[in-house]
Protein backbone atom coordinates (compact mmCIF):
# COMPACT_ATOMS: atom_id res chain seq x y z
CA MET A 1 -4.98 -0.26 33.96
CA THR A 2 -9.11 0.54 32.45
CA GLN A 3 -12.06 -1.35 33.27
CA HIS A 4 -12.56 -2.41 30.37
CA GLU A 5 -8.47 -3.77 29.80
CA ILE A 6 -9.38 -5.99 33.66
CA ILE A 7 -11.82 -7.65 31.41
CA LEU A 8 -10.09 -8.63 28.65
CA ASP A 9 -6.42 -9.06 29.92
CA ILE A 10 -4.68 -6.80 27.74
CA ARG A 11 -0.83 -6.64 27.20
CA PRO A 12 1.50 -4.16 24.89
CA VAL A 13 3.38 -5.95 22.35
CA GLY A 14 5.34 -3.35 21.01
CA GLY A 15 6.30 0.01 22.70
CA ARG A 16 4.13 2.72 20.71
CA LEU A 17 1.73 0.36 19.38
CA GLY A 18 0.13 -3.14 19.75
CA ALA A 19 -1.37 -5.72 22.49
CA GLU A 20 -1.95 -9.13 22.83
CA VAL A 21 -5.63 -9.55 23.92
CA SER A 22 -6.16 -12.82 26.02
CA GLY A 23 -8.99 -14.44 27.59
CA VAL A 24 -11.75 -13.87 24.76
CA ARG A 25 -13.02 -15.84 22.30
CA LEU A 26 -13.99 -14.02 18.74
CA SER A 27 -17.94 -14.35 18.09
CA ASP A 28 -21.00 -12.26 17.54
CA GLY A 29 -22.14 -13.91 20.50
CA LEU A 30 -19.75 -11.39 22.79
CA SER A 31 -21.64 -8.96 25.23
CA ASP A 32 -22.07 -5.02 24.48
CA GLY A 33 -19.40 -4.83 27.19
CA VAL A 34 -16.71 -6.59 25.99
CA ILE A 35 -17.48 -5.25 22.37
CA ALA A 36 -16.57 -1.76 23.86
CA ALA A 37 -13.98 -3.22 25.80
CA LEU A 38 -12.39 -3.79 22.32
CA ASN A 39 -13.37 -0.44 20.85
CA THR A 40 -11.67 1.40 23.49
CA ALA A 41 -8.66 -0.98 23.28
CA LEU A 42 -8.27 -0.57 19.96
CA LEU A 43 -7.93 3.15 19.97
CA ARG A 44 -6.08 2.77 22.30
CA HIS A 45 -3.05 0.23 21.02
CA LYS A 46 -4.06 0.61 17.25
CA VAL A 47 -3.96 -2.91 16.49
CA LEU A 48 -5.01 -6.00 18.80
CA PHE A 49 -3.33 -9.88 18.86
CA PHE A 50 -5.61 -12.90 19.39
CA ARG A 51 -3.96 -15.80 19.77
CA ASP A 52 -6.14 -19.45 19.07
CA GLN A 53 -9.33 -18.31 17.25
CA SER A 54 -9.34 -21.49 15.10
CA HIS A 55 -12.79 -21.49 15.55
CA LEU A 56 -13.45 -18.69 13.39
CA ASP A 57 -14.68 -19.96 9.86
CA ASP A 58 -15.72 -17.28 7.29
CA ALA A 59 -19.03 -16.92 7.93
CA SER A 60 -18.34 -16.27 12.13
CA GLN A 61 -15.29 -13.83 11.14
CA GLU A 62 -17.97 -11.96 9.47
CA ALA A 63 -20.30 -11.97 11.82
CA PHE A 64 -17.95 -10.91 14.41
CA ALA A 65 -16.84 -7.77 12.19
CA GLN A 66 -20.93 -7.00 12.53
CA ARG A 67 -20.25 -6.11 16.06
CA LEU A 68 -17.84 -3.85 15.54
CA GLY A 69 -19.06 -1.81 12.34
CA ALA A 70 -20.18 -2.20 9.14
CA PRO A 71 -18.29 -4.56 6.99
CA VAL A 72 -17.62 -3.40 3.28
CA ALA A 73 -16.26 -5.17 0.24
CA HIS A 74 -13.42 -4.45 -1.32
CA PRO A 75 -14.29 -1.61 -4.19
CA THR A 76 -12.63 -3.60 -7.11
CA VAL A 77 -11.43 -6.86 -5.87
CA PRO A 78 -14.19 -9.55 -6.18
CA VAL A 79 -14.85 -11.04 -2.25
CA ARG A 80 -14.28 -14.86 -1.46
CA GLU A 81 -16.98 -17.04 -2.98
CA GLY A 82 -19.83 -17.27 -0.56
CA SER A 83 -19.23 -14.90 1.49
CA GLY A 84 -20.40 -10.87 1.58
CA TYR A 85 -17.48 -8.75 2.58
CA LEU A 86 -14.44 -11.45 3.30
CA LEU A 87 -11.18 -10.91 0.93
CA GLU A 88 -8.61 -13.61 0.52
CA LEU A 89 -5.35 -13.11 0.21
CA ASP A 90 -3.71 -16.15 -1.17
CA SER A 91 0.15 -16.24 -1.70
CA SER A 92 -0.12 -18.54 -4.50
CA ARG A 93 -2.36 -16.18 -6.11
CA GLY A 94 -0.51 -13.12 -6.13
CA GLY A 95 -1.51 -12.07 -2.47
CA ARG A 96 1.27 -10.54 -1.19
CA ALA A 97 1.08 -6.75 -0.22
CA ASN A 98 4.50 -6.11 0.59
CA SER A 99 4.48 -2.56 0.18
CA TRP A 100 3.89 0.29 3.63
CA HIS A 101 0.28 1.05 2.95
CA THR A 102 -2.90 1.92 4.88
CA ASP A 103 -6.24 0.16 3.22
CA VAL A 104 -8.07 1.52 0.43
CA THR A 105 -7.04 5.01 0.74
CA PHE A 106 -7.74 5.60 -3.09
CA VAL A 107 -11.33 6.00 -1.90
CA PRO A 108 -12.58 9.27 0.08
CA ASP A 109 -14.19 7.21 2.90
CA TYR A 110 -11.69 4.56 3.46
CA PRO A 111 -12.15 1.31 6.37
CA LYS A 112 -11.66 2.76 9.55
CA ALA A 113 -10.75 -0.83 10.71
CA SER A 114 -9.71 -4.33 9.37
CA ILE A 115 -10.29 -8.22 11.08
CA LEU A 116 -7.48 -10.26 9.26
CA ARG A 117 -7.55 -14.06 9.89
CA ALA A 118 -4.30 -16.38 9.67
CA VAL A 119 -6.10 -19.91 7.93
CA VAL A 120 -2.26 -20.95 6.38
CA SER A 121 1.15 -19.24 7.44
CA PRO A 122 4.01 -20.73 6.42
CA GLU A 123 6.19 -22.28 9.07
CA SER A 124 8.93 -19.38 8.88
CA GLY A 125 8.75 -15.67 7.83
CA GLY A 126 5.36 -14.25 6.48
CA ASP A 127 5.10 -11.87 9.29
CA THR A 128 3.28 -8.53 9.31
CA VAL A 129 4.65 -5.31 10.48
CA TRP A 130 2.38 -2.11 11.44
CA ALA A 131 3.55 1.28 12.07
CA ASN A 132 1.64 4.26 14.03
CA THR A 133 0.93 6.91 11.90
CA ALA A 134 -0.35 9.28 15.01
CA ALA A 135 3.11 8.97 16.66
CA ALA A 136 4.88 9.34 13.53
CA TYR A 137 2.97 12.84 13.02
CA GLU A 138 3.65 13.73 16.61
CA ARG A 139 7.58 13.09 16.44
CA LEU A 140 7.94 14.91 13.23
CA PRO A 141 10.19 18.00 13.58
CA ALA A 142 7.89 21.17 14.11
CA PRO A 143 8.44 22.90 10.75
CA LEU A 144 7.62 19.70 9.11
CA LYS A 145 4.51 19.21 10.92
CA LEU A 146 3.90 22.52 10.23
CA LEU A 147 3.97 21.74 6.02
CA ALA A 148 2.18 18.57 6.50
CA ASP A 149 -0.74 20.14 8.19
CA HIS A 150 -1.07 22.18 5.09
CA LEU A 151 -0.49 19.37 2.40
CA TRP A 152 -2.74 17.66 0.47
CA ALA A 153 -2.17 14.26 -1.78
CA LEU A 154 -3.71 12.50 -4.69
CA HIS A 155 -4.10 8.74 -3.60
CA THR A 156 -5.01 6.50 -6.96
CA ASN A 157 -5.37 2.27 -7.67
CA ASP A 158 -3.93 3.13 -10.82
CA TYR A 159 0.02 2.55 -10.75
CA ASP A 160 2.90 1.07 -11.48
CA TYR A 161 2.08 -2.67 -10.20
CA ALA A 162 4.98 -4.38 -12.07
CA ALA A 163 7.68 -1.69 -10.52
CA ARG A 164 6.35 -2.40 -7.20
CA ARG A 165 5.96 -5.90 -7.11
CA PRO A 166 9.44 -7.02 -8.53
CA ASP A 167 8.68 -10.80 -7.48
CA LEU A 168 5.53 -10.56 -10.26
CA THR A 169 6.33 -11.44 -14.01
CA ARG A 170 4.64 -8.79 -16.41
CA GLU A 171 2.21 -10.87 -17.03
CA SER A 172 1.20 -11.56 -13.51
CA ALA A 173 1.65 -7.77 -12.97
CA GLU A 174 -0.94 -6.84 -16.14
CA GLN A 175 -3.42 -9.35 -14.86
CA PHE A 176 -3.25 -8.27 -10.83
CA LYS A 177 -3.96 -4.74 -12.16
CA ALA A 178 -6.80 -5.56 -14.83
CA VAL A 179 -8.79 -6.52 -11.13
CA PHE A 180 -7.46 -3.94 -9.01
CA ALA A 181 -7.69 -0.91 -11.40
CA SER A 182 -10.58 -2.37 -13.14
CA THR A 183 -12.71 0.81 -12.00
CA VAL A 184 -10.01 3.58 -11.83
CA TYR A 185 -10.27 6.03 -8.62
CA GLU A 186 -8.25 8.78 -7.41
CA THR A 187 -9.02 11.05 -4.12
CA GLU A 188 -7.54 13.96 -2.79
CA HIS A 189 -6.78 13.22 1.08
CA PRO A 190 -5.35 16.01 3.68
CA VAL A 191 -2.04 14.51 4.28
CA VAL A 192 -2.72 15.16 8.05
CA ARG A 193 -5.93 14.05 9.30
CA VAL A 194 -8.37 14.35 12.64
CA HIS A 195 -8.86 11.29 14.15
CA PRO A 196 -12.99 11.50 14.58
CA GLU A 197 -12.84 9.30 17.68
CA THR A 198 -9.35 10.24 19.56
CA GLY A 199 -8.97 13.84 17.80
CA GLU A 200 -5.19 12.65 17.32
CA ARG A 201 -3.22 13.60 14.10
CA THR A 202 -2.47 10.84 11.63
CA LEU A 203 -0.46 10.86 8.95
CA VAL A 204 -2.28 9.67 5.73
CA LEU A 205 0.49 8.09 3.48
CA GLY A 206 1.63 4.71 1.96
CA HIS A 207 2.01 3.30 -1.11
CA PHE A 208 -1.35 4.50 -3.06
CA ILE A 209 -0.15 8.17 -3.16
CA LYS A 210 0.62 9.48 -6.62
CA SER A 211 1.77 13.17 -5.83
CA PHE A 212 1.07 15.71 -3.53
CA VAL A 213 -0.93 18.37 -4.44
CA GLY A 214 0.50 21.71 -6.35
CA LEU A 215 4.10 19.34 -6.40
CA SER A 216 5.89 17.98 -9.46
CA SER A 217 6.03 14.48 -9.41
CA ILE A 218 10.28 14.69 -8.56
CA ASP A 219 9.09 17.18 -5.76
CA SER A 220 6.05 14.81 -4.34
CA ARG A 221 8.80 11.60 -4.62
CA LYS A 222 11.29 13.06 -2.29
CA LEU A 223 9.21 14.66 -0.04
CA PHE A 224 7.15 11.52 0.31
CA GLU A 225 10.13 9.44 0.97
CA VAL A 226 10.74 12.08 4.13
CA LEU A 227 7.22 11.67 5.95
CA GLN A 228 7.20 8.05 4.75
CA GLY A 229 10.19 7.62 6.72
CA HIS A 230 9.53 8.82 9.69
CA VAL A 231 6.14 6.16 9.81
CA GLU A 232 8.07 3.43 8.85
CA ALA A 233 11.34 3.96 11.57
CA LEU A 234 11.39 0.78 13.65
CA GLU A 235 10.92 2.78 17.17
CA ASN A 236 7.00 3.15 15.68
CA THR A 237 6.24 -0.56 14.95
CA VAL A 238 5.24 -3.97 16.11
CA ARG A 239 5.73 -6.93 14.23
CA TRP A 240 3.64 -10.00 14.53
CA ARG A 241 4.30 -13.45 14.28
CA TRP A 242 1.23 -15.60 12.49
CA ARG A 243 0.03 -18.89 13.56
CA PRO A 244 -3.18 -20.35 11.84
CA GLY A 245 -5.80 -19.38 13.65
CA ASP A 246 -4.61 -16.03 14.99
CA VAL A 247 -6.96 -12.59 14.51
CA ALA A 248 -5.46 -9.00 14.66
CA ILE A 249 -7.86 -6.18 14.52
CA TRP A 250 -6.43 -2.31 13.49
CA ASP A 251 -7.64 0.79 13.45
CA ASN A 252 -7.13 1.74 10.13
CA ARG A 253 -7.43 5.52 10.60
CA ALA A 254 -4.21 5.40 12.49
CA THR A 255 -1.94 2.99 11.02
CA GLN A 256 -0.23 1.63 7.99
CA HIS A 257 1.19 -2.30 7.83
CA TYR A 258 3.65 -4.63 5.53
CA ALA A 259 3.63 -7.90 4.87
CA VAL A 260 7.08 -8.82 4.78
CA ASN A 261 7.43 -11.09 1.64
CA ASP A 262 10.26 -13.53 3.02
CA TYR A 263 8.65 -16.68 2.61
CA GLY A 264 9.76 -18.00 -0.76
CA ASP A 265 7.42 -20.80 -1.98
CA GLN A 266 5.54 -21.45 1.13
CA HIS A 267 1.96 -20.99 1.17
CA ARG A 268 0.10 -18.35 3.56
CA VAL A 269 -3.39 -17.66 3.49
CA MET A 270 -5.19 -14.68 5.26
CA ARG A 271 -8.76 -13.46 5.24
CA ARG A 272 -9.57 -9.88 5.48
CA VAL A 273 -12.89 -7.87 6.53
CA THR A 274 -13.16 -4.30 6.40
CA LEU A 275 -15.03 -1.94 8.00
CA ALA A 276 -16.84 1.34 6.76
CA GLY A 277 -14.84 4.68 7.84
CA ASP A 278 -15.59 8.10 7.44
CA VAL A 279 -14.39 11.08 5.26
CA PRO A 280 -10.97 12.43 6.61
CA VAL A 281 -11.28 15.72 8.00
CA ALA A 282 -8.25 17.82 8.01
CA VAL A 283 -6.98 20.25 10.43
CA ASP A 284 -8.39 23.21 8.59
CA GLY A 285 -11.97 21.29 8.36
CA ARG A 286 -11.62 20.39 5.30
CA THR A 287 -12.55 17.04 4.18
CA SER A 288 -11.32 14.70 1.14
CA ARG A 289 -12.31 14.77 -2.18
CA VAL A 290 -13.45 12.84 -4.86
CA VAL A 291 -11.47 13.06 -8.40
CA LYS A 292 -11.78 9.79 -10.06
CA PRO A 293 -14.54 8.56 -11.07
CA VAL A 294 -15.83 11.69 -12.42
CA SER A 295 -19.68 10.61 -11.84
CA ALA A 296 -19.03 9.25 -8.48
CA PRO A 297 -20.39 10.91 -5.37
CA GLN A 298 -18.38 12.18 -2.99
CA VAL A 299 -18.62 9.66 -0.43
CA VAL A 300 -18.46 6.12 -1.24
CA ALA A 301 -18.17 2.39 0.12
CA ALA A 302 -14.45 1.42 0.55
């Protein structure tokens, strides 16, 4: 264990990612040493879990997030009323992201990390699962690694919401799309990015991919299933059973996540703050490129 980990009492949860951190009360008043320890642990474990943080409210969650980076609002979905950056995910209003994704990859500098707080948790179900995209890349067969290293993909927030969300009525899906895709974003990302802090190579995939650059929609779909399957392998994941007051922080540059929609009409409310990220750099040094909006600068808020 490193000096930072001794301070925090960090215990791995999954074999390839995820750790529970005990003995810390999250707030903006934490010392610089503890904040540095949290950052070190996050880079190593990819996802950090904290129990019994019910003292946090919207304002203190945002204040704590500011110690870890620069909070940014979602580019299309309105923030929770009275907050600066906080996004509420309420199951009674369609907040069920039950599909594998990395947050907001349809913009070039998508978030580096997210801080998620459980406000209302169902008595059963409603877990979240994370996958390690660095481990997934590292375990690709050599021919697939070579292919992925040179592959680019178009990511967008404009997709068939009804097909992705069969639990929604057509009307509800259209209403959701009207908000989520109120401005259409498209960005070309390398399928393999070099992590700016660890140097690891990570896979940039997930449900915002529309197609691979230079491939037909049919070929893109088949290749996506192959690569995404390596990300989703159970050995590459960690699953968290939420209790109210729990907090999870994840490295959005090295993970995907999936909110399991298995809790029926039970109520689930989560509140999230995301931190500004950086533009991915491919293995050959090229950076991600904005496609839409055409008038947008090459670097936009995530």
